[in-house]
Amino acid sequence: MMPDQKRCEPATSIIGALGGFAEVAGRLDVDHSTVHRWTYPTDAPQGTGGRIPPRHWDALIEFARERGIELSNADFVSNGPINVAPAAAERLAS
């Protein structure tokens, strides 16, 4: 991917909220390049256009929960950036 290409959503937001490419790759036991490709446009080699494969959703939702972040299946099908806020902060605000 060229440095000036925009990263695709919602993968970029989710990966960032969970600590970055290395953290997510380590948690899922996949190569970091796999996680990077989720943020590439579909016209890039093996890019997914911001889509994280559904087989990883449950593990990432659990990882988020452990970090105090609310994440749901709906976040993985968003068409834009998602607002991934700490769960505790959201509970205090309501």
PDB file of N, CA and C in Angstrom:
ATOM      1  N   MET A   1       0.840  -1.177   0.000  1.00  0.00           N
ATOM      2  CA  MET A   1       0.000   0.000   0.000  1.00  0.00           C
ATOM      3  C   MET A   1       0.883   1.237   0.000  1.00  0.00           C
ATOM      4  N   MET A   2       0.502   2.207  -0.768  1.00  0.00           N
ATOM      5  CA  MET A   2       1.241   3.459  -0.841  1.00  0.00           C
ATOM      6  C   MET A   2       0.951   4.277   0.413  1.00  0.00           C
ATOM      7  N   PRO A   3       1.954   5.030   0.905  1.00  0.00           N
ATOM      8  CA  PRO A   3       1.767   5.802   2.141  1.00  0.00           C
ATOM      9  C   PRO A   3       0.632   6.811   2.083  1.00  0.00           C
ATOM     10  N   ASP A   4       0.301   7.317   0.880  1.00  0.00           N
ATOM     11  CA  ASP A   4      -0.737   8.340   0.808  1.00  0.00           C
ATOM     12  C   ASP A   4      -2.142   7.772   0.656  1.00  0.00           C
ATOM     13  N   GLN A   5      -2.274   6.440   0.565  1.00  0.00           N
ATOM     14  CA  GLN A   5      -3.606   5.848   0.465  1.00  0.00           C
ATOM     15  C   GLN A   5      -4.296   5.869   1.823  1.00  0.00           C
ATOM     16  N   LYS A   6      -5.572   6.136   1.788  1.00  0.00           N
ATOM     17  CA  LYS A   6      -6.368   6.170   3.006  1.00  0.00           C
ATOM     18  C   LYS A   6      -6.655   4.749   3.486  1.00  0.00           C
ATOM     19  N   ARG A   7      -6.578   4.549   4.761  1.00  0.00           N
ATOM     20  CA  ARG A   7      -6.916   3.253   5.353  1.00  0.00           C
ATOM     21  C   ARG A   7      -8.431   3.122   5.386  1.00  0.00           C
ATOM     22  N   CYS A   8      -8.904   1.920   5.202  1.00  0.00           N
ATOM     23  CA  CYS A   8     -10.342   1.665   5.098  1.00  0.00           C
ATOM     24  C   CYS A   8     -10.959   1.348   6.460  1.00  0.00           C
ATOM     25  N   GLU A   9     -12.209   1.722   6.572  1.00  0.00           N
ATOM     26  CA  GLU A   9     -13.006   1.512   7.782  1.00  0.00           C
ATOM     27  C   GLU A   9     -13.995   0.371   7.557  1.00  0.00           C
ATOM     28  N   PRO A  10     -14.428  -0.281   8.623  1.00  0.00           N
ATOM     29  CA  PRO A  10     -14.207   0.004  10.035  1.00  0.00           C
ATOM     30  C   PRO A  10     -12.939  -0.627  10.619  1.00  0.00           C
ATOM     31  N   ALA A  11     -12.195  -1.395   9.807  1.00  0.00           N
ATOM     32  CA  ALA A  11     -11.019  -2.099  10.333  1.00  0.00           C
ATOM     33  C   ALA A  11     -10.022  -1.151  10.996  1.00  0.00           C
ATOM     34  N   THR A  12      -9.773  -0.003  10.380  1.00  0.00           N
ATOM     35  CA  THR A  12      -8.789   0.927  10.937  1.00  0.00           C
ATOM     36  C   THR A  12      -9.192   1.373  12.343  1.00  0.00           C
ATOM     37  N   SER A  13     -10.455   1.707  12.546  1.00  0.00           N
ATOM     38  CA  SER A  13     -10.925   2.145  13.869  1.00  0.00           C
ATOM     39  C   SER A  13     -10.837   1.022  14.894  1.00  0.00           C
ATOM     40  N   ILE A  14     -11.258  -0.157  14.508  1.00  0.00           N
ATOM     41  CA  ILE A  14     -11.264  -1.295  15.437  1.00  0.00           C
ATOM     42  C   ILE A  14      -9.836  -1.662  15.832  1.00  0.00           C
ATOM     43  N   ILE A  15      -8.962  -1.770  14.850  1.00  0.00           N
ATOM     44  CA  ILE A  15      -7.571  -2.135  15.129  1.00  0.00           C
ATOM     45  C   ILE A  15      -6.911  -1.080  16.011  1.00  0.00           C
ATOM     46  N   GLY A  16      -7.153   0.187  15.714  1.00  0.00           N
ATOM     47  CA  GLY A  16      -6.588   1.265  16.521  1.00  0.00           C
ATOM     48  C   GLY A  16      -7.074   1.228  17.960  1.00  0.00           C
ATOM     49  N   ALA A  17      -8.359   0.985  18.145  1.00  0.00           N
ATOM     50  CA  ALA A  17      -8.921   0.937  19.499  1.00  0.00           C
ATOM     51  C   ALA A  17      -8.363  -0.222  20.313  1.00  0.00           C
ATOM     52  N   LEU A  18      -7.976  -1.293  19.625  1.00  0.00           N
ATOM     53  CA  LEU A  18      -7.478  -2.477  20.319  1.00  0.00           C
ATOM     54  C   LEU A  18      -5.959  -2.471  20.499  1.00  0.00           C
ATOM     55  N   GLY A  19      -5.315  -1.383  20.140  1.00  0.00           N
ATOM     56  CA  GLY A  19      -3.893  -1.254  20.413  1.00  0.00           C
ATOM     57  C   GLY A  19      -2.982  -1.328  19.203  1.00  0.00           C
ATOM     58  N   GLY A  20      -3.542  -1.522  18.023  1.00  0.00           N
ATOM     59  CA  GLY A  20      -2.727  -1.514  16.820  1.00  0.00           C
ATOM     60  C   GLY A  20      -2.561  -2.877  16.175  1.00  0.00           C
ATOM     61  N   PHE A  21      -1.851  -2.856  15.071  1.00  0.00           N
ATOM     62  CA  PHE A  21      -1.681  -4.058  14.250  1.00  0.00           C
ATOM     63  C   PHE A  21      -1.018  -5.205  15.014  1.00  0.00           C
ATOM     64  N   ALA A  22       0.060  -4.912  15.722  1.00  0.00           N
ATOM     65  CA  ALA A  22       0.790  -5.974  16.431  1.00  0.00           C
ATOM     66  C   ALA A  22      -0.058  -6.604  17.535  1.00  0.00           C
ATOM     67  N   GLU A  23      -0.785  -5.770  18.268  1.00  0.00           N
ATOM     68  CA  GLU A  23      -1.640  -6.289  19.351  1.00  0.00           C
ATOM     69  C   GLU A  23      -2.724  -7.209  18.804  1.00  0.00           C
ATOM     70  N   VAL A  24      -3.389  -6.783  17.736  1.00  0.00           N
ATOM     71  CA  VAL A  24      -4.469  -7.575  17.153  1.00  0.00           C
ATOM     72  C   VAL A  24      -3.909  -8.862  16.548  1.00  0.00           C
ATOM     73  N   ALA A  25      -2.806  -8.755  15.819  1.00  0.00           N
ATOM     74  CA  ALA A  25      -2.198  -9.941  15.209  1.00  0.00           C
ATOM     75  C   ALA A  25      -1.789 -10.948  16.275  1.00  0.00           C
ATOM     76  N   GLY A  26      -1.203 -10.459  17.354  1.00  0.00           N
ATOM     77  CA  GLY A  26      -0.794 -11.347  18.441  1.00  0.00           C
ATOM     78  C   GLY A  26      -1.976 -12.029  19.096  1.00  0.00           C
ATOM     79  N   ARG A  27      -3.016 -11.272  19.314  1.00  0.00           N
ATOM     80  CA  ARG A  27      -4.209 -11.846  19.952  1.00  0.00           C
ATOM     81  C   ARG A  27      -4.849 -12.922  19.083  1.00  0.00           C
ATOM     82  N   LEU A  28      -4.877 -12.699  17.770  1.00  0.00           N
ATOM     83  CA  LEU A  28      -5.523 -13.646  16.857  1.00  0.00           C
ATOM     84  C   LEU A  28      -4.566 -14.723  16.359  1.00  0.00           C
ATOM     85  N   ASP A  29      -3.298 -14.585  16.700  1.00  0.00           N
ATOM     86  CA  ASP A  29      -2.269 -15.518  16.248  1.00  0.00           C
ATOM     87  C   ASP A  29      -2.219 -15.585  14.721  1.00  0.00           C
ATOM     88  N   VAL A  30      -2.198 -14.397  14.108  1.00  0.00           N
ATOM     89  CA  VAL A  30      -2.050 -14.269  12.661  1.00  0.00           C
ATOM     90  C   VAL A  30      -0.877 -13.332  12.402  1.00  0.00           C
ATOM     91  N   ASP A  31      -0.361 -13.372  11.199  1.00  0.00           N
ATOM     92  CA  ASP A  31       0.729 -12.488  10.822  1.00  0.00           C
ATOM     93  C   ASP A  31       0.239 -11.040  10.779  1.00  0.00           C
ATOM     94  N   HIS A  32       1.110 -10.112  11.168  1.00  0.00           N
ATOM     95  CA  HIS A  32       0.699  -8.701  11.179  1.00  0.00           C
ATOM     96  C   HIS A  32       0.304  -8.218   9.792  1.00  0.00           C
ATOM     97  N   SER A  33       0.867  -8.809   8.732  1.00  0.00           N
ATOM     98  CA  SER A  33       0.494  -8.380   7.381  1.00  0.00           C
ATOM     99  C   SER A  33      -0.963  -8.721   7.073  1.00  0.00           C
ATOM    100  N   THR A  34      -1.468  -9.784   7.681  1.00  0.00           N
ATOM    101  CA  THR A  34      -2.879 -10.141   7.524  1.00  0.00           C
ATOM    102  C   THR A  34      -3.758  -9.027   8.064  1.00  0.00           C
ATOM    103  N   VAL A  35      -3.427  -8.536   9.237  1.00  0.00           N
ATOM    104  CA  VAL A  35      -4.202  -7.472   9.871  1.00  0.00           C
ATOM    105  C   VAL A  35      -4.091  -6.178   9.059  1.00  0.00           C
ATOM    106  N   HIS A  36      -2.910  -5.869   8.562  1.00  0.00           N
ATOM    107  CA  HIS A  36      -2.741  -4.679   7.724  1.00  0.00           C
ATOM    108  C   HIS A  36      -3.644  -4.735   6.503  1.00  0.00           C
ATOM    109  N   ARG A  37      -3.737  -5.901   5.859  1.00  0.00           N
ATOM    110  CA  ARG A  37      -4.547  -6.022   4.633  1.00  0.00           C
ATOM    111  C   ARG A  37      -6.019  -5.717   4.878  1.00  0.00           C
ATOM    112  N   TRP A  38      -6.490  -5.900   6.093  1.00  0.00           N
ATOM    113  CA  TRP A  38      -7.891  -5.572   6.390  1.00  0.00           C
ATOM    114  C   TRP A  38      -8.155  -4.085   6.220  1.00  0.00           C
ATOM    115  N   THR A  39      -7.125  -3.268   6.307  1.00  0.00           N
ATOM    116  CA  THR A  39      -7.301  -1.821   6.186  1.00  0.00           C
ATOM    117  C   THR A  39      -7.043  -1.319   4.768  1.00  0.00           C
ATOM    118  N   TYR A  40      -6.675  -2.215   3.850  1.00  0.00           N
ATOM    119  CA  TYR A  40      -6.372  -1.831   2.475  1.00  0.00           C
ATOM    120  C   TYR A  40      -7.639  -1.843   1.625  1.00  0.00           C
ATOM    121  N   PRO A  41      -7.701  -0.971   0.624  1.00  0.00           N
ATOM    122  CA  PRO A  41      -8.840  -0.997  -0.298  1.00  0.00           C
ATOM    123  C   PRO A  41      -8.885  -2.309  -1.071  1.00  0.00           C
ATOM    124  N   THR A  42     -10.026  -2.619  -1.605  1.00  0.00           N
ATOM    125  CA  THR A  42     -10.192  -3.900  -2.315  1.00  0.00           C
ATOM    126  C   THR A  42      -9.375  -3.974  -3.593  1.00  0.00           C
ATOM    127  N   ASP A  43      -8.944  -2.842  -4.126  1.00  0.00           N
ATOM    128  CA  ASP A  43      -8.109  -2.903  -5.327  1.00  0.00           C
ATOM    129  C   ASP A  43      -6.634  -3.114  -5.009  1.00  0.00           C
ATOM    130  N   ALA A  44      -6.253  -3.134  -3.746  1.00  0.00           N
ATOM    131  CA  ALA A  44      -4.891  -3.469  -3.332  1.00  0.00           C
ATOM    132  C   ALA A  44      -4.774  -4.989  -3.224  1.00  0.00           C
ATOM    133  N   PRO A  45      -3.575  -5.514  -3.413  1.00  0.00           N
ATOM    134  CA  PRO A  45      -3.411  -6.970  -3.297  1.00  0.00           C
ATOM    135  C   PRO A  45      -3.943  -7.499  -1.953  1.00  0.00           C
ATOM    136  N   GLN A  46      -4.913  -8.361  -2.009  1.00  0.00           N
ATOM    137  CA  GLN A  46      -5.541  -9.011  -0.860  1.00  0.00           C
ATOM    138  C   GLN A  46      -6.215  -8.042   0.102  1.00  0.00           C
ATOM    139  N   GLY A  47      -6.451  -6.803  -0.327  1.00  0.00           N
ATOM    140  CA  GLY A  47      -7.151  -5.837   0.518  1.00  0.00           C
ATOM    141  C   GLY A  47      -8.603  -6.232   0.697  1.00  0.00           C
ATOM    142  N   THR A  48      -9.146  -5.944   1.863  1.00  0.00           N
ATOM    143  CA  THR A  48     -10.532  -6.316   2.157  1.00  0.00           C
ATOM    144  C   THR A  48     -11.467  -5.110   2.187  1.00  0.00           C
ATOM    145  N   GLY A  49     -10.944  -3.924   1.928  1.00  0.00           N
ATOM    146  CA  GLY A  49     -11.800  -2.738   1.935  1.00  0.00           C
ATOM    147  C   GLY A  49     -12.312  -2.370   3.314  1.00  0.00           C
ATOM    148  N   GLY A  50     -11.560  -2.710   4.343  1.00  0.00           N
ATOM    149  CA  GLY A  50     -11.959  -2.367   5.710  1.00  0.00           C
ATOM    150  C   GLY A  50     -12.743  -3.439   6.429  1.00  0.00           C
ATOM    151  N   ARG A  51     -12.941  -4.556   5.783  1.00  0.00           N
ATOM    152  CA  ARG A  51     -13.714  -5.650   6.384  1.00  0.00           C
ATOM    153  C   ARG A  51     -12.809  -6.654   7.094  1.00  0.00           C
ATOM    154  N   ILE A  52     -13.130  -6.924   8.332  1.00  0.00           N
ATOM    155  CA  ILE A  52     -12.439  -7.957   9.105  1.00  0.00           C
ATOM    156  C   ILE A  52     -13.234  -9.244   8.928  1.00  0.00           C
ATOM    157  N   PRO A  53     -12.583 -10.342   8.575  1.00  0.00           N
ATOM    158  CA  PRO A  53     -13.322 -11.596   8.375  1.00  0.00           C
ATOM    159  C   PRO A  53     -14.144 -11.980   9.611  1.00  0.00           C
ATOM    160  N   PRO A  54     -15.387 -12.388   9.403  1.00  0.00           N
ATOM    161  CA  PRO A  54     -16.277 -12.731  10.524  1.00  0.00           C
ATOM    162  C   PRO A  54     -15.718 -13.794  11.471  1.00  0.00           C
ATOM    163  N   ARG A  55     -14.857 -14.666  10.998  1.00  0.00           N
ATOM    164  CA  ARG A  55     -14.305 -15.701  11.890  1.00  0.00           C
ATOM    165  C   ARG A  55     -13.493 -15.101  13.045  1.00  0.00           C
ATOM    166  N   HIS A  56     -13.109 -13.817  12.937  1.00  0.00           N
ATOM    167  CA  HIS A  56     -12.321 -13.167  13.991  1.00  0.00           C
ATOM    168  C   HIS A  56     -13.156 -12.277  14.909  1.00  0.00           C
ATOM    169  N   TRP A  57     -14.410 -12.060  14.577  1.00  0.00           N
ATOM    170  CA  TRP A  57     -15.222 -11.102  15.334  1.00  0.00           C
ATOM    171  C   TRP A  57     -15.346 -11.458  16.808  1.00  0.00           C
ATOM    172  N   ASP A  58     -15.694 -12.694  17.118  1.00  0.00           N
ATOM    173  CA  ASP A  58     -15.891 -13.068  18.528  1.00  0.00           C
ATOM    174  C   ASP A  58     -14.623 -12.849  19.350  1.00  0.00           C
ATOM    175  N   ALA A  59     -13.474 -13.235  18.797  1.00  0.00           N
ATOM    176  CA  ALA A  59     -12.215 -13.061  19.522  1.00  0.00           C
ATOM    177  C   ALA A  59     -11.907 -11.583  19.739  1.00  0.00           C
ATOM    178  N   LEU A  60     -12.199 -10.758  18.747  1.00  0.00           N
ATOM    179  CA  LEU A  60     -11.930  -9.327  18.892  1.00  0.00           C
ATOM    180  C   LEU A  60     -12.914  -8.657  19.842  1.00  0.00           C
ATOM    181  N   ILE A  61     -14.152  -9.109  19.845  1.00  0.00           N
ATOM    182  CA  ILE A  61     -15.131  -8.576  20.808  1.00  0.00           C
ATOM    183  C   ILE A  61     -14.699  -8.926  22.228  1.00  0.00           C
ATOM    184  N   GLU A  62     -14.217 -10.139  22.434  1.00  0.00           N
ATOM    185  CA  GLU A  62     -13.722 -10.544  23.754  1.00  0.00           C
ATOM    186  C   GLU A  62     -12.483  -9.740  24.140  1.00  0.00           C
ATOM    187  N   PHE A  63     -11.571  -9.551  23.207  1.00  0.00           N
ATOM    188  CA  PHE A  63     -10.364  -8.755  23.444  1.00  0.00           C
ATOM    189  C   PHE A  63     -10.756  -7.329  23.844  1.00  0.00           C
ATOM    190  N   ALA A  64     -11.715  -6.761  23.146  1.00  0.00           N
ATOM    191  CA  ALA A  64     -12.193  -5.418  23.475  1.00  0.00           C
ATOM    192  C   ALA A  64     -12.794  -5.382  24.878  1.00  0.00           C
ATOM    193  N   ARG A  65     -13.599  -6.383  25.198  1.00  0.00           N
ATOM    194  CA  ARG A  65     -14.234  -6.446  26.525  1.00  0.00           C
ATOM    195  C   ARG A  65     -13.163  -6.470  27.621  1.00  0.00           C
ATOM    196  N   GLU A  66     -12.114  -7.246  27.403  1.00  0.00           N
ATOM    197  CA  GLU A  66     -11.016  -7.316  28.380  1.00  0.00           C
ATOM    198  C   GLU A  66     -10.325  -5.971  28.564  1.00  0.00           C
ATOM    199  N   ARG A  67     -10.360  -5.151  27.542  1.00  0.00           N
ATOM    200  CA  ARG A  67      -9.737  -3.825  27.590  1.00  0.00           C
ATOM    201  C   ARG A  67     -10.728  -2.735  27.999  1.00  0.00           C
ATOM    202  N   GLY A  68     -11.945  -3.134  28.340  1.00  0.00           N
ATOM    203  CA  GLY A  68     -12.946  -2.162  28.765  1.00  0.00           C
ATOM    204  C   GLY A  68     -13.553  -1.381  27.622  1.00  0.00           C
ATOM    205  N   ILE A  69     -13.572  -1.975  26.441  1.00  0.00           N
ATOM    206  CA  ILE A  69     -14.108  -1.319  25.250  1.00  0.00           C
ATOM    207  C   ILE A  69     -15.342  -2.068  24.783  1.00  0.00           C
ATOM    208  N   GLU A  70     -16.392  -1.332  24.467  1.00  0.00           N
ATOM    209  CA  GLU A  70     -17.602  -1.957  23.940  1.00  0.00           C
ATOM    210  C   GLU A  70     -17.485  -2.079  22.431  1.00  0.00           C
ATOM    211  N   LEU A  71     -17.619  -3.291  21.946  1.00  0.00           N
ATOM    212  CA  LEU A  71     -17.543  -3.579  20.520  1.00  0.00           C
ATOM    213  C   LEU A  71     -18.598  -4.632  20.245  1.00  0.00           C
ATOM    214  N   SER A  72     -19.312  -4.495  19.141  1.00  0.00           N
ATOM    215  CA  SER A  72     -20.358  -5.462  18.809  1.00  0.00           C
ATOM    216  C   SER A  72     -20.240  -5.862  17.347  1.00  0.00           C
ATOM    217  N   ASN A  73     -20.999  -6.874  16.962  1.00  0.00           N
ATOM    218  CA  ASN A  73     -21.014  -7.312  15.566  1.00  0.00           C
ATOM    219  C   ASN A  73     -21.360  -6.171  14.623  1.00  0.00           C
ATOM    220  N   ALA A  74     -22.246  -5.286  15.044  1.00  0.00           N
ATOM    221  CA  ALA A  74     -22.650  -4.157  14.202  1.00  0.00           C
ATOM    222  C   ALA A  74     -21.464  -3.271  13.845  1.00  0.00           C
ATOM    223  N   ASP A  75     -20.487  -3.167  14.726  1.00  0.00           N
ATOM    224  CA  ASP A  75     -19.316  -2.340  14.457  1.00  0.00           C
ATOM    225  C   ASP A  75     -18.495  -2.874  13.281  1.00  0.00           C
ATOM    226  N   PHE A  76     -18.546  -4.171  13.057  1.00  0.00           N
ATOM    227  CA  PHE A  76     -17.759  -4.793  11.990  1.00  0.00           C
ATOM    228  C   PHE A  76     -18.375  -4.605  10.613  1.00  0.00           C
ATOM    229  N   VAL A  77     -19.615  -4.165  10.539  1.00  0.00           N
ATOM    230  CA  VAL A  77     -20.278  -3.964   9.252  1.00  0.00           C
ATOM    231  C   VAL A  77     -20.568  -2.488   8.976  1.00  0.00           C
ATOM    232  N   SER A  78     -20.022  -1.620   9.782  1.00  0.00           N
ATOM    233  CA  SER A  78     -20.178  -0.185   9.577  1.00  0.00           C
ATOM    234  C   SER A  78     -19.526   0.217   8.256  1.00  0.00           C
ATOM    235  N   ASN A  79     -20.036   1.251   7.637  1.00  0.00           N
ATOM    236  CA  ASN A  79     -19.451   1.751   6.395  1.00  0.00           C
ATOM    237  C   ASN A  79     -18.474   2.894   6.622  1.00  0.00           C
ATOM    238  N   GLY A  80     -18.289   3.305   7.852  1.00  0.00           N
ATOM    239  CA  GLY A  80     -17.385   4.410   8.133  1.00  0.00           C
ATOM    240  C   GLY A  80     -16.653   4.170   9.431  1.00  0.00           C
ATOM    241  N   PRO A  81     -15.921   5.174   9.884  1.00  0.00           N
ATOM    242  CA  PRO A  81     -15.226   5.032  11.158  1.00  0.00           C
ATOM    243  C   PRO A  81     -16.226   4.802  12.281  1.00  0.00           C
ATOM    244  N   ILE A  82     -15.841   4.030  13.235  1.00  0.00           N
ATOM    245  CA  ILE A  82     -16.724   3.787  14.372  1.00  0.00           C
ATOM    246  C   ILE A  82     -16.171   4.498  15.597  1.00  0.00           C
ATOM    247  N   ASN A  83     -17.041   4.821  16.494  1.00  0.00           N
ATOM    248  CA  ASN A  83     -16.645   5.446  17.741  1.00  0.00           C
ATOM    249  C   ASN A  83     -16.520   4.340  18.779  1.00  0.00           C
ATOM    250  N   VAL A  84     -15.304   3.901  19.006  1.00  0.00           N
ATOM    251  CA  VAL A  84     -15.061   2.834  19.956  1.00  0.00           C
ATOM    252  C   VAL A  84     -14.622   3.472  21.255  1.00  0.00           C
ATOM    253  N   ALA A  85     -15.560   3.589  22.184  1.00  0.00           N
ATOM    254  CA  ALA A  85     -15.277   4.240  23.451  1.00  0.00           C
ATOM    255  C   ALA A  85     -15.143   3.212  24.561  1.00  0.00           C
ATOM    256  N   PRO A  86     -14.374   3.542  25.573  1.00  0.00           N
ATOM    257  CA  PRO A  86     -14.289   2.638  26.726  1.00  0.00           C
ATOM    258  C   PRO A  86     -15.669   2.408  27.324  1.00  0.00           C
ATOM    259  N   ALA A  87     -15.956   1.155  27.661  1.00  0.00           N
ATOM    260  CA  ALA A  87     -17.260   0.792  28.192  1.00  0.00           C
ATOM    261  C   ALA A  87     -17.558   1.536  29.496  1.00  0.00           C
ATOM    262  N   ALA A  88     -16.568   1.672  30.352  1.00  0.00           N
ATOM    263  CA  ALA A  88     -16.783   2.325  31.643  1.00  0.00           C
ATOM    264  C   ALA A  88     -17.192   3.775  31.439  1.00  0.00           C
ATOM    265  N   ALA A  89     -16.584   4.480  30.507  1.00  0.00           N
ATOM    266  CA  ALA A  89     -16.910   5.890  30.258  1.00  0.00           C
ATOM    267  C   ALA A  89     -18.344   6.008  29.749  1.00  0.00           C
ATOM    268  N   GLU A  90     -18.767   5.097  28.904  1.00  0.00           N
ATOM    269  CA  GLU A  90     -20.135   5.151  28.393  1.00  0.00           C
ATOM    270  C   GLU A  90     -21.148   4.899  29.506  1.00  0.00           C
ATOM    271  N   ARG A  91     -20.838   3.990  30.418  1.00  0.00           N
ATOM    272  CA  ARG A  91     -21.759   3.720  31.522  1.00  0.00           C
ATOM    273  C   ARG A  91     -21.869   4.907  32.436  1.00  0.00           C
ATOM    274  N   LEU A  92     -20.761   5.605  32.699  1.00  0.00           N
ATOM    275  CA  LEU A  92     -20.794   6.762  33.583  1.00  0.00           C
ATOM    276  C   LEU A  92     -21.565   7.914  32.960  1.00  0.00           C
ATOM    277  N   ALA A  93     -21.542   8.034  31.646  1.00  0.00           N
ATOM    278  CA  ALA A  93     -22.216   9.135  30.968  1.00  0.00           C
ATOM    279  C   ALA A  93     -23.736   8.944  30.927  1.00  0.00           C
ATOM    280  N   SER A  94     -24.205   7.713  31.070  1.00  0.00           N
ATOM    281  CA  SER A  94     -25.647   7.489  30.966  1.00  0.00           C
ATOM    282  C   SER A  94     -26.344   7.552  32.301  1.00  0.00           C
TER     283      SER A  94
END
